[in-house]
């Protein structure tokens, strides 16, 4: 699949924003993050900015962006529509949560934070299900796809929260959470890659034509003499060398390195902890961009068989 920059940015930015909103909604009522108005405004404000930037960037991939609102009407059958509805619904408690933390109204922040956290988790779940529900793409139609979206959103949000909390001298809890999630994400992604590498193709030219009993099937002539939309969007090819390099960047830079840096920041305080947490956040976002780009680039759609493009082996 063609890794459109707008969709890559959307999934990373909105995932980090919803993850940050989720952890703020859970940890602030428990007193596990700084409770001042300045920190609350910065953390919840950053979450809302990332969410809005991500959602806006997703419309750039649409042929008619002005009709994006119509997707909300298909919530009974479409995970894309459910994602949109969940995102819209989540803005209400998230906005009230932002007002509450600025105004110091803890009773309001308590329940709006929990509602915002629930809405954030529901929205990211719907995002993951958009891809997991697509049967023609075996790399996405995988039981690990949606848990991966939830895990990576929680990880990136925790990293951002740890970075902000470190400059307030109270990063112990979010840094510990982010370090554990980073280590878990590293293992999870390796398991996911092993799973899709070992899984057989959904279909082959032999199974599609029913001529496999004869032997290897190949087209005599291409269906088209020039490229078209399907070839551009659903028959994207990435070399093995590039895929292996991006896997290393995603797993080491995006997950392992931030986990180590945050673990080192735990016993520290002040500026050193803030610098380590900032470096961890930057590395995590870079690694997640590589991971998400690779998620699209490695996906193989069965429609490519019509053009004689099989799965790379």
C-alpha atoms as a PDB file:
ATOM      1  CA  UNK A   1       0.000   0.000   0.000  1.00  0.00           C
ATOM      2  CA  UNK A   2       1.178   3.521  -0.784  1.00  0.00           C
ATOM      3  CA  UNK A   3       2.351   5.176   2.480  1.00  0.00           C
ATOM      4  CA  UNK A   4       0.627   8.559   2.128  1.00  0.00           C
ATOM      5  CA  UNK A   5       2.440  11.112   4.346  1.00  0.00           C
ATOM      6  CA  UNK A   6      -0.860  12.566   5.576  1.00  0.00           C
ATOM      7  CA  UNK A   7      -2.065   9.200   6.900  1.00  0.00           C
ATOM      8  CA  UNK A   8       1.321   8.347   8.409  1.00  0.00           C
ATOM      9  CA  UNK A   9       1.363  11.683  10.247  1.00  0.00           C
ATOM     10  CA  UNK A  10      -2.289  11.293  11.268  1.00  0.00           C
ATOM     11  CA  UNK A  11      -1.855   7.903  12.911  1.00  0.00           C
ATOM     12  CA  UNK A  12       1.304   8.940  14.785  1.00  0.00           C
ATOM     13  CA  UNK A  13       0.155  12.410  15.876  1.00  0.00           C
ATOM     14  CA  UNK A  14      -3.381  11.453  16.855  1.00  0.00           C
ATOM     15  CA  UNK A  15      -2.158   8.282  18.573  1.00  0.00           C
ATOM     16  CA  UNK A  16       0.323  10.280  20.653  1.00  0.00           C
ATOM     17  CA  UNK A  17      -2.299  12.921  21.403  1.00  0.00           C
ATOM     18  CA  UNK A  18      -4.915  10.414  22.511  1.00  0.00           C
ATOM     19  CA  UNK A  19      -2.276   8.534  24.508  1.00  0.00           C
ATOM     20  CA  UNK A  20      -1.265  11.715  26.320  1.00  0.00           C
ATOM     21  CA  UNK A  21      -4.912  12.556  26.992  1.00  0.00           C
ATOM     22  CA  UNK A  22      -5.500   9.009  28.264  1.00  0.00           C
ATOM     23  CA  UNK A  23      -2.650   9.106  30.779  1.00  0.00           C
ATOM     24  CA  UNK A  24      -3.513  12.618  31.963  1.00  0.00           C
ATOM     25  CA  UNK A  25      -7.111  11.580  32.509  1.00  0.00           C
ATOM     26  CA  UNK A  26      -6.035   8.575  34.573  1.00  0.00           C
ATOM     27  CA  UNK A  27      -3.028   9.870  36.494  1.00  0.00           C
ATOM     28  CA  UNK A  28      -4.051  13.412  37.397  1.00  0.00           C
ATOM     29  CA  UNK A  29      -7.030  12.390  39.570  1.00  0.00           C
ATOM     30  CA  UNK A  30      -4.661  10.025  41.399  1.00  0.00           C
ATOM     31  CA  UNK A  31      -2.122  12.774  41.989  1.00  0.00           C
ATOM     32  CA  UNK A  32       0.616  10.944  40.064  1.00  0.00           C
ATOM     33  CA  UNK A  33       1.487  13.899  37.821  1.00  0.00           C
ATOM     34  CA  UNK A  34       2.008  17.585  38.682  1.00  0.00           C
ATOM     35  CA  UNK A  35      -1.295  19.165  39.633  1.00  0.00           C
ATOM     36  CA  UNK A  36      -0.706  22.807  38.808  1.00  0.00           C
ATOM     37  CA  UNK A  37      -2.682  24.732  36.227  1.00  0.00           C
ATOM     38  CA  UNK A  38       0.389  25.385  34.072  1.00  0.00           C
ATOM     39  CA  UNK A  39       1.291  21.707  33.761  1.00  0.00           C
ATOM     40  CA  UNK A  40      -2.318  20.691  33.179  1.00  0.00           C
ATOM     41  CA  UNK A  41      -2.786  23.301  30.489  1.00  0.00           C
ATOM     42  CA  UNK A  42       0.465  22.304  28.785  1.00  0.00           C
ATOM     43  CA  UNK A  43      -0.196  18.549  28.837  1.00  0.00           C
ATOM     44  CA  UNK A  44      -3.897  18.567  27.916  1.00  0.00           C
ATOM     45  CA  UNK A  45      -3.345  21.424  25.460  1.00  0.00           C
ATOM     46  CA  UNK A  46      -0.545  19.515  23.701  1.00  0.00           C
ATOM     47  CA  UNK A  47      -2.763  16.434  23.518  1.00  0.00           C
ATOM     48  CA  UNK A  48      -5.605  18.390  21.917  1.00  0.00           C
ATOM     49  CA  UNK A  49      -3.252  20.096  19.446  1.00  0.00           C
ATOM     50  CA  UNK A  50      -1.786  16.754  18.334  1.00  0.00           C
ATOM     51  CA  UNK A  51      -5.248  15.251  17.974  1.00  0.00           C
ATOM     52  CA  UNK A  52      -6.539  18.157  15.902  1.00  0.00           C
ATOM     53  CA  UNK A  53      -3.444  18.277  13.694  1.00  0.00           C
ATOM     54  CA  UNK A  54      -3.702  14.538  13.119  1.00  0.00           C
ATOM     55  CA  UNK A  55      -7.385  14.646  12.241  1.00  0.00           C
ATOM     56  CA  UNK A  56      -6.897  17.608   9.922  1.00  0.00           C
ATOM     57  CA  UNK A  57      -4.007  15.903   8.138  1.00  0.00           C
ATOM     58  CA  UNK A  58      -6.137  12.813   7.516  1.00  0.00           C
ATOM     59  CA  UNK A  59      -8.507  14.857   5.350  1.00  0.00           C
ATOM     60  CA  UNK A  60      -5.622  15.656   2.975  1.00  0.00           C
ATOM     61  CA  UNK A  61      -5.820  12.064   1.706  1.00  0.00           C
ATOM     62  CA  UNK A  62      -9.449  12.448   0.678  1.00  0.00           C
ATOM     63  CA  UNK A  63     -10.494  13.257  -2.866  1.00  0.00           C
ATOM     64  CA  UNK A  64     -13.253  15.558  -1.573  1.00  0.00           C
ATOM     65  CA  UNK A  65     -12.211  16.737   1.925  1.00  0.00           C
ATOM     66  CA  UNK A  66     -15.292  18.954   2.231  1.00  0.00           C
ATOM     67  CA  UNK A  67     -17.417  15.783   2.344  1.00  0.00           C
ATOM     68  CA  UNK A  68     -15.492  14.198   5.221  1.00  0.00           C
ATOM     69  CA  UNK A  69     -18.359  14.919   7.612  1.00  0.00           C
ATOM     70  CA  UNK A  70     -20.567  12.446   5.726  1.00  0.00           C
ATOM     71  CA  UNK A  71     -18.438   9.580   7.016  1.00  0.00           C
ATOM     72  CA  UNK A  72     -20.014  10.084  10.442  1.00  0.00           C
ATOM     73  CA  UNK A  73     -23.365   8.784   9.178  1.00  0.00           C
ATOM     74  CA  UNK A  74     -22.145   5.216   8.516  1.00  0.00           C
ATOM     75  CA  UNK A  75     -21.303   4.275  12.107  1.00  0.00           C
ATOM     76  CA  UNK A  76     -23.462   1.139  12.010  1.00  0.00           C
ATOM     77  CA  UNK A  77     -21.201  -0.600   9.503  1.00  0.00           C
ATOM     78  CA  UNK A  78     -17.964   1.385   9.138  1.00  0.00           C
ATOM     79  CA  UNK A  79     -15.066   1.502  11.580  1.00  0.00           C
ATOM     80  CA  UNK A  80     -13.929   4.707   9.889  1.00  0.00           C
ATOM     81  CA  UNK A  81     -17.275   6.281  10.743  1.00  0.00           C
ATOM     82  CA  UNK A  82     -17.082   4.948  14.305  1.00  0.00           C
ATOM     83  CA  UNK A  83     -13.639   6.472  14.665  1.00  0.00           C
ATOM     84  CA  UNK A  84     -15.006   9.851  13.568  1.00  0.00           C
ATOM     85  CA  UNK A  85     -17.947   9.635  15.957  1.00  0.00           C
ATOM     86  CA  UNK A  86     -15.688   8.610  18.843  1.00  0.00           C
ATOM     87  CA  UNK A  87     -13.299  11.476  18.065  1.00  0.00           C
ATOM     88  CA  UNK A  88     -16.119  14.035  18.018  1.00  0.00           C
ATOM     89  CA  UNK A  89     -17.667  12.686  21.230  1.00  0.00           C
ATOM     90  CA  UNK A  90     -14.289  12.699  22.994  1.00  0.00           C
ATOM     91  CA  UNK A  91     -13.763  16.400  22.322  1.00  0.00           C
ATOM     92  CA  UNK A  92     -16.555  17.328  24.772  1.00  0.00           C
ATOM     93  CA  UNK A  93     -15.061  15.802  27.963  1.00  0.00           C
ATOM     94  CA  UNK A  94     -11.536  16.644  26.743  1.00  0.00           C
ATOM     95  CA  UNK A  95     -12.470  20.311  26.388  1.00  0.00           C
ATOM     96  CA  UNK A  96     -14.090  20.349  29.826  1.00  0.00           C
ATOM     97  CA  UNK A  97     -11.023  18.576  31.223  1.00  0.00           C
ATOM     98  CA  UNK A  98      -8.823  21.332  29.792  1.00  0.00           C
ATOM     99  CA  UNK A  99     -11.029  24.032  31.357  1.00  0.00           C
ATOM    100  CA  UNK A 100     -11.057  22.191  34.691  1.00  0.00           C
ATOM    101  CA  UNK A 101      -7.283  21.813  34.987  1.00  0.00           C
ATOM    102  CA  UNK A 102      -6.774  25.478  34.108  1.00  0.00           C
ATOM    103  CA  UNK A 103      -9.366  26.648  36.611  1.00  0.00           C
ATOM    104  CA  UNK A 104      -8.236  24.302  39.386  1.00  0.00           C
ATOM    105  CA  UNK A 105     -11.651  22.634  39.621  1.00  0.00           C
ATOM    106  CA  UNK A 106     -10.483  19.198  40.747  1.00  0.00           C
ATOM    107  CA  UNK A 107     -13.977  17.749  41.121  1.00  0.00           C
ATOM    108  CA  UNK A 108     -14.654  18.569  37.468  1.00  0.00           C
ATOM    109  CA  UNK A 109     -11.214  17.414  36.328  1.00  0.00           C
ATOM    110  CA  UNK A 110     -11.723  14.047  38.049  1.00  0.00           C
ATOM    111  CA  UNK A 111     -14.721  12.834  36.066  1.00  0.00           C
ATOM    112  CA  UNK A 112     -14.033  14.692  32.815  1.00  0.00           C
ATOM    113  CA  UNK A 113     -10.506  13.265  32.840  1.00  0.00           C
ATOM    114  CA  UNK A 114     -11.810   9.733  33.173  1.00  0.00           C
ATOM    115  CA  UNK A 115     -14.366  10.281  30.403  1.00  0.00           C
ATOM    116  CA  UNK A 116     -11.696  11.789  28.150  1.00  0.00           C
ATOM    117  CA  UNK A 117      -9.416   8.812  28.838  1.00  0.00           C
ATOM    118  CA  UNK A 118     -12.199   6.373  27.933  1.00  0.00           C
ATOM    119  CA  UNK A 119     -12.984   8.315  24.758  1.00  0.00           C
ATOM    120  CA  UNK A 120      -9.309   8.396  23.771  1.00  0.00           C
ATOM    121  CA  UNK A 121      -8.989   4.626  24.167  1.00  0.00           C
ATOM    122  CA  UNK A 122     -12.198   4.042  22.197  1.00  0.00           C
ATOM    123  CA  UNK A 123     -11.063   6.291  19.338  1.00  0.00           C
ATOM    124  CA  UNK A 124      -7.666   4.609  18.998  1.00  0.00           C
ATOM    125  CA  UNK A 125      -9.376   1.208  19.123  1.00  0.00           C
ATOM    126  CA  UNK A 126     -11.614   2.242  16.216  1.00  0.00           C
ATOM    127  CA  UNK A 127      -8.564   3.464  14.280  1.00  0.00           C
ATOM    128  CA  UNK A 128      -6.905   0.079  14.694  1.00  0.00           C
ATOM    129  CA  UNK A 129     -10.067  -1.731  13.642  1.00  0.00           C
ATOM    130  CA  UNK A 130     -10.214   0.260  10.396  1.00  0.00           C
ATOM    131  CA  UNK A 131      -7.118  -1.629   9.275  1.00  0.00           C
ATOM    132  CA  UNK A 132      -7.721  -4.907  11.094  1.00  0.00           C
ATOM    133  CA  UNK A 133     -11.114  -5.295   9.373  1.00  0.00           C
ATOM    134  CA  UNK A 134      -9.651  -5.244   5.839  1.00  0.00           C
ATOM    135  CA  UNK A 135      -9.503  -8.901   4.815  1.00  0.00           C
ATOM    136  CA  UNK A 136      -7.731  -8.378   1.440  1.00  0.00           C
ATOM    137  CA  UNK A 137      -4.612  -7.132   3.287  1.00  0.00           C
ATOM    138  CA  UNK A 138      -3.286  -9.987   5.389  1.00  0.00           C
ATOM    139  CA  UNK A 139      -0.677  -7.866   7.210  1.00  0.00           C
ATOM    140  CA  UNK A 140      -3.488  -5.725   8.604  1.00  0.00           C
ATOM    141  CA  UNK A 141      -6.153  -8.403   8.984  1.00  0.00           C
ATOM    142  CA  UNK A 142      -4.194  -9.734  11.926  1.00  0.00           C
ATOM    143  CA  UNK A 143      -5.193 -10.151  15.595  1.00  0.00           C
ATOM    144  CA  UNK A 144      -2.165  -8.068  16.629  1.00  0.00           C
ATOM    145  CA  UNK A 145      -3.041  -4.972  14.587  1.00  0.00           C
ATOM    146  CA  UNK A 146      -5.537  -3.306  16.919  1.00  0.00           C
ATOM    147  CA  UNK A 147      -3.632  -4.138  20.152  1.00  0.00           C
ATOM    148  CA  UNK A 148      -0.585  -2.622  18.456  1.00  0.00           C
ATOM    149  CA  UNK A 149      -2.407   0.654  17.832  1.00  0.00           C
ATOM    150  CA  UNK A 150      -3.505   0.787  21.474  1.00  0.00           C
ATOM    151  CA  UNK A 151      -0.032  -0.109  22.766  1.00  0.00           C
ATOM    152  CA  UNK A 152       1.835   2.384  20.582  1.00  0.00           C
ATOM    153  CA  UNK A 153      -0.644   5.157  21.374  1.00  0.00           C
ATOM    154  CA  UNK A 154      -0.271   4.503  25.094  1.00  0.00           C
ATOM    155  CA  UNK A 155       3.523   4.375  24.759  1.00  0.00           C
ATOM    156  CA  UNK A 156       3.900   7.597  22.771  1.00  0.00           C
ATOM    157  CA  UNK A 157       1.483   9.414  25.085  1.00  0.00           C
ATOM    158  CA  UNK A 158       3.371   8.227  28.158  1.00  0.00           C
ATOM    159  CA  UNK A 159       6.681   9.363  26.651  1.00  0.00           C
ATOM    160  CA  UNK A 160       5.292  12.847  26.019  1.00  0.00           C
ATOM    161  CA  UNK A 161       3.851  12.999  29.535  1.00  0.00           C
ATOM    162  CA  UNK A 162       7.183  11.910  31.020  1.00  0.00           C
ATOM    163  CA  UNK A 163       8.964  14.617  29.021  1.00  0.00           C
ATOM    164  CA  UNK A 164       6.618  17.328  30.313  1.00  0.00           C
ATOM    165  CA  UNK A 165       6.612  16.033  33.890  1.00  0.00           C
ATOM    166  CA  UNK A 166      10.425  15.840  33.967  1.00  0.00           C
ATOM    167  CA  UNK A 167      10.695  19.616  33.764  1.00  0.00           C
ATOM    168  CA  UNK A 168       8.394  19.847  36.777  1.00  0.00           C
ATOM    169  CA  UNK A 169      10.559  17.395  38.695  1.00  0.00           C
ATOM    170  CA  UNK A 170       7.827  14.736  38.885  1.00  0.00           C
ATOM    171  CA  UNK A 171       8.495  12.304  36.036  1.00  0.00           C
ATOM    172  CA  UNK A 172       8.913   9.120  38.074  1.00  0.00           C
ATOM    173  CA  UNK A 173       5.511   7.553  37.416  1.00  0.00           C
ATOM    174  CA  UNK A 174       5.017   8.494  33.731  1.00  0.00           C
ATOM    175  CA  UNK A 175       8.682   7.679  32.963  1.00  0.00           C
ATOM    176  CA  UNK A 176       8.348   4.242  34.553  1.00  0.00           C
ATOM    177  CA  UNK A 177       5.127   3.604  32.605  1.00  0.00           C
ATOM    178  CA  UNK A 178       6.707   4.774  29.344  1.00  0.00           C
ATOM    179  CA  UNK A 179       9.860   2.672  29.897  1.00  0.00           C
ATOM    180  CA  UNK A 180       7.787  -0.465  30.489  1.00  0.00           C
ATOM    181  CA  UNK A 181       5.557   0.257  27.487  1.00  0.00           C
ATOM    182  CA  UNK A 182       8.624   0.928  25.325  1.00  0.00           C
ATOM    183  CA  UNK A 183      10.123  -2.428  26.234  1.00  0.00           C
ATOM    184  CA  UNK A 184       6.759  -4.091  25.646  1.00  0.00           C
ATOM    185  CA  UNK A 185       6.366  -2.347  22.284  1.00  0.00           C
ATOM    186  CA  UNK A 186       9.816  -3.562  21.205  1.00  0.00           C
ATOM    187  CA  UNK A 187       8.887  -7.187  21.934  1.00  0.00           C
ATOM    188  CA  UNK A 188       5.379  -6.793  20.523  1.00  0.00           C
ATOM    189  CA  UNK A 189       6.567  -5.402  17.216  1.00  0.00           C
ATOM    190  CA  UNK A 190       9.128  -8.157  16.774  1.00  0.00           C
ATOM    191  CA  UNK A 191       6.377 -10.718  17.364  1.00  0.00           C
ATOM    192  CA  UNK A 192       4.114  -8.952  14.859  1.00  0.00           C
ATOM    193  CA  UNK A 193       6.800  -8.938  12.173  1.00  0.00           C
ATOM    194  CA  UNK A 194       7.537 -12.618  12.774  1.00  0.00           C
ATOM    195  CA  UNK A 195       3.800 -13.313  12.469  1.00  0.00           C
ATOM    196  CA  UNK A 196       3.307 -11.575   9.112  1.00  0.00           C
ATOM    197  CA  UNK A 197       6.561 -12.990   7.716  1.00  0.00           C
ATOM    198  CA  UNK A 198       5.469 -16.543   8.498  1.00  0.00           C
ATOM    199  CA  UNK A 199       1.841 -16.210   7.393  1.00  0.00           C
ATOM    200  CA  UNK A 200       0.964 -17.459   3.873  1.00  0.00           C
ATOM    201  CA  UNK A 201      -0.548 -15.056   1.297  1.00  0.00           C
ATOM    202  CA  UNK A 202      -4.312 -14.603   1.309  1.00  0.00           C
ATOM    203  CA  UNK A 203      -4.333 -15.642  -2.343  1.00  0.00           C
ATOM    204  CA  UNK A 204      -1.945 -16.389  -5.157  1.00  0.00           C
ATOM    205  CA  UNK A 205      -2.341 -16.310  -8.923  1.00  0.00           C
ATOM    206  CA  UNK A 206      -2.608 -20.107  -8.759  1.00  0.00           C
ATOM    207  CA  UNK A 207      -5.456 -20.080  -6.232  1.00  0.00           C
ATOM    208  CA  UNK A 208      -7.194 -17.098  -7.877  1.00  0.00           C
ATOM    209  CA  UNK A 209      -7.304 -18.759 -11.294  1.00  0.00           C
ATOM    210  CA  UNK A 210      -7.759 -22.306 -10.073  1.00  0.00           C
ATOM    211  CA  UNK A 211      -4.869 -23.400 -12.284  1.00  0.00           C
ATOM    212  CA  UNK A 212      -2.432 -24.245  -9.540  1.00  0.00           C
ATOM    213  CA  UNK A 213      -2.695 -27.960 -10.303  1.00  0.00           C
ATOM    214  CA  UNK A 214      -0.951 -27.296 -13.605  1.00  0.00           C
ATOM    215  CA  UNK A 215       1.980 -25.411 -12.131  1.00  0.00           C
ATOM    216  CA  UNK A 216       3.210 -21.850 -11.745  1.00  0.00           C
ATOM    217  CA  UNK A 217       0.820 -19.243 -13.213  1.00  0.00           C
ATOM    218  CA  UNK A 218       1.971 -15.975 -14.757  1.00  0.00           C
ATOM    219  CA  UNK A 219       0.218 -13.448 -17.028  1.00  0.00           C
ATOM    220  CA  UNK A 220       1.190 -13.341 -20.687  1.00  0.00           C
ATOM    221  CA  UNK A 221       0.488  -9.614 -21.027  1.00  0.00           C
ATOM    222  CA  UNK A 222      -0.117  -6.868 -18.443  1.00  0.00           C
ATOM    223  CA  UNK A 223      -3.715  -5.626 -18.075  1.00  0.00           C
ATOM    224  CA  UNK A 224      -2.571  -2.048 -18.716  1.00  0.00           C
ATOM    225  CA  UNK A 225       0.270  -0.488 -20.662  1.00  0.00           C
ATOM    226  CA  UNK A 226       0.525   2.432 -18.213  1.00  0.00           C
ATOM    227  CA  UNK A 227       0.214   2.855 -14.472  1.00  0.00           C
ATOM    228  CA  UNK A 228      -3.163   3.534 -12.883  1.00  0.00           C
ATOM    229  CA  UNK A 229      -4.699   4.289  -9.501  1.00  0.00           C
ATOM    230  CA  UNK A 230      -4.657   0.700  -8.262  1.00  0.00           C
ATOM    231  CA  UNK A 231      -1.005   0.239  -9.141  1.00  0.00           C
ATOM    232  CA  UNK A 232      -0.057   3.515  -7.466  1.00  0.00           C
ATOM    233  CA  UNK A 233      -2.059   2.946  -4.286  1.00  0.00           C
ATOM    234  CA  UNK A 234      -2.235  -0.828  -3.823  1.00  0.00           C
ATOM    235  CA  UNK A 235       0.834  -2.277  -5.512  1.00  0.00           C
ATOM    236  CA  UNK A 236       3.551  -0.290  -3.772  1.00  0.00           C
ATOM    237  CA  UNK A 237       6.826  -2.203  -3.609  1.00  0.00           C
ATOM    238  CA  UNK A 238       9.589  -1.845  -1.044  1.00  0.00           C
ATOM    239  CA  UNK A 239      12.931  -3.636  -1.246  1.00  0.00           C
ATOM    240  CA  UNK A 240      13.960  -6.156   1.379  1.00  0.00           C
ATOM    241  CA  UNK A 241      17.013  -4.090   2.314  1.00  0.00           C
ATOM    242  CA  UNK A 242      14.965  -0.949   2.940  1.00  0.00           C
ATOM    243  CA  UNK A 243      12.348  -2.866   4.910  1.00  0.00           C
ATOM    244  CA  UNK A 244      14.993  -4.453   7.142  1.00  0.00           C
ATOM    245  CA  UNK A 245      16.620  -1.070   7.766  1.00  0.00           C
ATOM    246  CA  UNK A 246      13.325   0.572   8.675  1.00  0.00           C
ATOM    247  CA  UNK A 247      12.472  -2.298  10.992  1.00  0.00           C
ATOM    248  CA  UNK A 248      15.708  -1.716  12.866  1.00  0.00           C
ATOM    249  CA  UNK A 249      15.040   2.025  13.078  1.00  0.00           C
ATOM    250  CA  UNK A 250      11.490   1.478  14.328  1.00  0.00           C
ATOM    251  CA  UNK A 251      12.381  -1.115  16.947  1.00  0.00           C
ATOM    252  CA  UNK A 252      15.678   0.314  18.214  1.00  0.00           C
ATOM    253  CA  UNK A 253      15.161   4.056  17.794  1.00  0.00           C
ATOM    254  CA  UNK A 254      11.417   4.101  18.388  1.00  0.00           C
ATOM    255  CA  UNK A 255      11.082   1.655  21.280  1.00  0.00           C
ATOM    256  CA  UNK A 256      14.336   0.352  22.773  1.00  0.00           C
ATOM    257  CA  UNK A 257      16.283   3.625  22.977  1.00  0.00           C
ATOM    258  CA  UNK A 258      13.441   5.646  24.599  1.00  0.00           C
ATOM    259  CA  UNK A 259      12.873   2.858  27.127  1.00  0.00           C
ATOM    260  CA  UNK A 260      16.562   2.889  28.109  1.00  0.00           C
ATOM    261  CA  UNK A 261      16.728   6.696  28.301  1.00  0.00           C
ATOM    262  CA  UNK A 262      13.634   6.886  30.488  1.00  0.00           C
ATOM    263  CA  UNK A 263      14.952   4.133  32.740  1.00  0.00           C
ATOM    264  CA  UNK A 264      18.150   6.167  33.165  1.00  0.00           C
ATOM    265  CA  UNK A 265      16.099   9.288  33.918  1.00  0.00           C
ATOM    266  CA  UNK A 266      14.192   7.628  36.773  1.00  0.00           C
ATOM    267  CA  UNK A 267      16.855   8.112  39.492  1.00  0.00           C
ATOM    268  CA  UNK A 268      17.693  11.595  38.226  1.00  0.00           C
ATOM    269  CA  UNK A 269      15.930  14.881  38.634  1.00  0.00           C
ATOM    270  CA  UNK A 270      15.953  18.399  37.312  1.00  0.00           C
ATOM    271  CA  UNK A 271      17.545  19.288  34.001  1.00  0.00           C
ATOM    272  CA  UNK A 272      19.360  15.941  33.339  1.00  0.00           C
ATOM    273  CA  UNK A 273      16.097  14.015  33.616  1.00  0.00           C
ATOM    274  CA  UNK A 274      14.365  16.552  31.402  1.00  0.00           C
ATOM    275  CA  UNK A 275      17.035  16.259  28.718  1.00  0.00           C
ATOM    276  CA  UNK A 276      16.861  12.461  28.726  1.00  0.00           C
ATOM    277  CA  UNK A 277      13.060  12.528  28.599  1.00  0.00           C
ATOM    278  CA  UNK A 278      13.119  15.043  25.748  1.00  0.00           C
ATOM    279  CA  UNK A 279      15.553  12.864  23.791  1.00  0.00           C
ATOM    280  CA  UNK A 280      13.356   9.815  24.471  1.00  0.00           C
ATOM    281  CA  UNK A 281      10.265  11.622  23.161  1.00  0.00           C
ATOM    282  CA  UNK A 282      11.983  12.768  19.973  1.00  0.00           C
ATOM    283  CA  UNK A 283      13.404   9.300  19.271  1.00  0.00           C
ATOM    284  CA  UNK A 284      10.059   7.656  19.958  1.00  0.00           C
ATOM    285  CA  UNK A 285       8.227   9.902  17.482  1.00  0.00           C
ATOM    286  CA  UNK A 286      10.884   9.370  14.788  1.00  0.00           C
ATOM    287  CA  UNK A 287      10.745   5.601  15.295  1.00  0.00           C
ATOM    288  CA  UNK A 288       6.957   5.574  15.220  1.00  0.00           C
ATOM    289  CA  UNK A 289       6.932   7.500  11.942  1.00  0.00           C
ATOM    290  CA  UNK A 290       9.231   4.840  10.469  1.00  0.00           C
ATOM    291  CA  UNK A 291       7.094   2.044  11.938  1.00  0.00           C
ATOM    292  CA  UNK A 292       3.882   3.486  10.552  1.00  0.00           C
ATOM    293  CA  UNK A 293       5.387   4.171   7.105  1.00  0.00           C
ATOM    294  CA  UNK A 294       6.596   0.578   7.041  1.00  0.00           C
ATOM    295  CA  UNK A 295       3.182  -0.705   8.096  1.00  0.00           C
ATOM    296  CA  UNK A 296       1.748   0.667   4.854  1.00  0.00           C
ATOM    297  CA  UNK A 297       4.728  -0.115   2.630  1.00  0.00           C
ATOM    298  CA  UNK A 298       4.838  -3.798   3.636  1.00  0.00           C
ATOM    299  CA  UNK A 299       1.084  -4.325   3.258  1.00  0.00           C
ATOM    300  CA  UNK A 300       0.109  -6.344   0.183  1.00  0.00           C
ATOM    301  CA  UNK A 301      -3.368  -6.047  -1.331  1.00  0.00           C
ATOM    302  CA  UNK A 302      -4.745  -9.034  -3.234  1.00  0.00           C
ATOM    303  CA  UNK A 303      -5.827  -6.778  -6.113  1.00  0.00           C
ATOM    304  CA  UNK A 304      -2.131  -6.591  -7.093  1.00  0.00           C
ATOM    305  CA  UNK A 305      -2.395 -10.194  -8.319  1.00  0.00           C
ATOM    306  CA  UNK A 306      -4.437  -8.950 -11.295  1.00  0.00           C
ATOM    307  CA  UNK A 307      -1.378  -7.020 -12.427  1.00  0.00           C
ATOM    308  CA  UNK A 308       1.002  -9.905 -11.926  1.00  0.00           C
ATOM    309  CA  UNK A 309       2.464  -8.465  -8.713  1.00  0.00           C
ATOM    310  CA  UNK A 310       2.783 -11.158  -6.089  1.00  0.00           C
ATOM    311  CA  UNK A 311       3.999 -10.956  -2.520  1.00  0.00           C
ATOM    312  CA  UNK A 312       7.752 -10.507  -2.036  1.00  0.00           C
ATOM    313  CA  UNK A 313       9.339 -13.683  -0.776  1.00  0.00           C
END
